[in-house]
Protein backbone atom coordinates (compact mmCIF):
# COMPACT_ATOMS: atom_id res chain seq x y z
CA UNK A 1 -28.54 48.59 46.79
CA UNK A 2 -24.98 49.22 47.94
CA UNK A 3 -24.20 48.74 51.60
CA UNK A 4 -22.21 50.99 53.92
CA UNK A 5 -20.81 51.04 57.45
CA UNK A 6 -24.22 52.17 58.75
CA UNK A 7 -26.43 50.10 56.43
CA UNK A 8 -25.45 46.47 55.94
CA UNK A 9 -27.09 43.01 55.98
CA UNK A 10 -28.14 41.64 59.35
CA UNK A 11 -25.91 38.62 58.80
CA UNK A 12 -22.88 40.93 59.07
CA UNK A 13 -23.84 42.51 62.40
CA UNK A 14 -21.72 40.17 64.56
CA UNK A 15 -18.56 40.50 62.49
CA UNK A 16 -15.72 42.54 63.96
CA UNK A 17 -15.76 46.06 62.47
CA UNK A 18 -12.62 45.51 60.39
CA UNK A 19 -13.96 42.26 58.91
CA UNK A 20 -17.42 43.79 58.38
CA UNK A 21 -15.92 46.70 56.44
CA UNK A 22 -14.07 44.27 54.16
CA UNK A 23 -17.21 42.14 53.73
CA UNK A 24 -19.21 45.23 52.74
CA UNK A 25 -16.54 46.19 50.22
CA UNK A 26 -16.52 42.68 48.71
CA UNK A 27 -20.32 42.37 48.70
CA UNK A 28 -20.73 45.69 46.90
CA UNK A 29 -18.22 44.58 44.25
CA UNK A 30 -20.05 41.28 43.80
CA UNK A 31 -23.38 43.07 43.42
CA UNK A 32 -21.88 45.33 40.77
CA UNK A 33 -20.68 42.29 38.86
CA UNK A 34 -24.20 40.85 38.80
CA UNK A 35 -24.28 38.34 41.65
CA UNK A 36 -27.62 37.88 43.45
CA UNK A 37 -27.81 39.61 46.84
CA UNK A 38 -27.92 36.45 48.98
CA UNK A 39 -25.01 34.88 47.17
CA UNK A 40 -23.00 38.12 47.38
CA UNK A 41 -23.51 38.27 51.14
CA UNK A 42 -22.40 34.67 51.74
CA UNK A 43 -19.35 34.96 49.50
CA UNK A 44 -18.37 38.32 50.97
CA UNK A 45 -18.50 37.08 54.57
CA UNK A 46 -16.41 34.00 53.75
CA UNK A 47 -13.83 36.01 51.80
CA UNK A 48 -13.64 38.73 54.46
CA UNK A 49 -13.00 36.14 57.19
CA UNK A 50 -10.27 34.55 55.06
CA UNK A 51 -8.79 38.00 54.41
CA UNK A 52 -8.79 38.75 58.15
CA UNK A 53 -6.94 35.50 58.92
CA UNK A 54 -4.24 36.42 56.39
CA UNK A 55 -3.97 40.01 57.57
CA UNK A 56 -4.15 39.47 61.31
CA UNK A 57 -2.25 42.10 63.29
CA UNK A 58 0.78 40.53 64.95
């Protein structure tokens, strides 16, 4: 089931909104490509945090 800004995994609740939005986007793409839900969540959070470090507002 795809996630949204109002419906997302509990493990994403403490992420900053900008990072959470990116994690949701990544997780949905991973689910579409056939990854299991738990794996998609873990990968998405890690990738979103890495993305946020690279795109930090200066």
